[in-house]
Amino acid sequence: MKTFDTQLAMSIVSHSTGGFSYDTLARALISMDKSENSTKLLESCRAFCLSLEEQGILRRCHKCTNSQDEYFEYVAH
């Protein structure tokens, strides 16, 4: 099993515009590496986004509250 590539995930997050969900992040990572276990990757992406939210790097996208998915926005520093 591969480890979660936080550097690649952070690169994707920091170049995002607008809101995104953690499953969108997982799809982007899967498209770059087809060998990754998609279920495990989805869980890792959710944990990664929640961790970044706690650190103030991401914030919940309040414009996307009508969706069942959790959407985040990158906070540029």
Protein backbone atom coordinates (compact mmCIF):
# COMPACT_ATOMS: atom_id res chain seq x y z
CA MET A 1 0.00 0.00 0.00
CA LYS A 2 1.32 3.41 -0.94
CA THR A 3 1.44 6.25 1.54
CA PHE A 4 -0.65 9.36 0.99
CA ASP A 5 1.31 11.93 -1.04
CA THR A 6 0.77 15.05 1.05
CA GLN A 7 3.13 17.11 -1.09
CA LEU A 8 1.18 16.40 -4.29
CA ALA A 9 -2.15 16.89 -2.50
CA MET A 10 -0.99 20.23 -1.08
CA SER A 11 0.15 21.33 -4.53
CA ILE A 12 -3.32 20.57 -5.93
CA VAL A 13 -5.07 22.30 -3.01
CA SER A 14 -2.89 25.41 -3.14
CA HIS A 15 -3.54 25.85 -6.87
CA SER A 16 -7.29 25.41 -6.57
CA THR A 17 -9.71 28.22 -7.31
CA GLY A 18 -13.12 28.27 -5.70
CA GLY A 19 -14.55 25.48 -3.61
CA PHE A 20 -13.67 21.82 -3.92
CA SER A 21 -14.65 18.65 -2.11
CA TYR A 22 -12.25 16.05 -0.78
CA ASP A 23 -13.58 13.55 -3.32
CA THR A 24 -12.55 15.97 -6.09
CA LEU A 25 -9.07 15.98 -4.58
CA ALA A 26 -9.12 12.17 -4.51
CA ARG A 27 -10.15 12.04 -8.18
CA ALA A 28 -7.31 14.39 -9.11
CA LEU A 29 -4.81 12.19 -7.27
CA ILE A 30 -6.24 9.00 -8.80
CA SER A 31 -5.94 10.50 -12.28
CA MET A 32 -2.24 11.00 -11.61
CA ASP A 33 -1.67 7.51 -10.15
CA LYS A 34 -4.02 4.73 -11.23
CA SER A 35 -2.58 2.21 -8.74
CA GLU A 36 -3.94 3.93 -5.63
CA ASN A 37 -6.76 2.24 -3.67
CA SER A 38 -9.66 4.64 -4.25
CA THR A 39 -11.52 3.92 -0.99
CA LYS A 40 -8.43 4.41 1.15
CA LEU A 41 -7.46 7.49 -0.85
CA LEU A 42 -10.89 9.05 -0.32
CA GLU A 43 -10.56 8.56 3.44
CA SER A 44 -7.04 10.01 3.37
CA CYS A 45 -8.18 13.05 1.37
CA ARG A 46 -10.98 13.75 3.83
CA ALA A 47 -8.60 13.50 6.80
CA PHE A 48 -6.07 15.69 4.97
CA CYS A 49 -8.65 18.41 4.23
CA LEU A 50 -9.97 18.36 7.80
CA SER A 51 -6.41 18.63 9.12
CA LEU A 52 -5.72 21.61 6.85
CA GLU A 53 -8.96 23.21 8.02
CA GLU A 54 -7.83 22.87 11.65
CA GLN A 55 -4.53 24.56 10.71
CA GLY A 56 -6.33 27.44 8.97
CA ILE A 57 -5.03 26.50 5.52
CA LEU A 58 -8.50 25.53 4.28
CA ARG A 59 -11.90 26.81 5.29
CA ARG A 60 -15.36 25.42 4.68
CA CYS A 61 -16.95 26.88 1.58
CA HIS A 62 -20.12 28.50 2.89
CA LYS A 63 -21.37 29.17 -0.64
CA CYS A 64 -21.61 25.40 -1.10
CA THR A 65 -23.72 24.56 1.96
CA ASN A 66 -26.68 23.14 0.01
CA SER A 67 -24.63 20.14 -1.07
CA GLN A 68 -24.25 16.93 0.93
CA ASP A 69 -20.50 16.98 0.23
CA GLU A 70 -18.01 18.90 2.34
CA TYR A 71 -16.53 21.72 0.27
CA PHE A 72 -13.40 23.63 1.16
CA GLU A 73 -11.57 26.74 -0.06
CA TYR A 74 -7.83 27.35 0.08
CA VAL A 75 -6.80 30.30 2.26
CA ALA A 76 -3.82 31.99 0.61
CA HIS A 77 -1.13 33.07 3.06
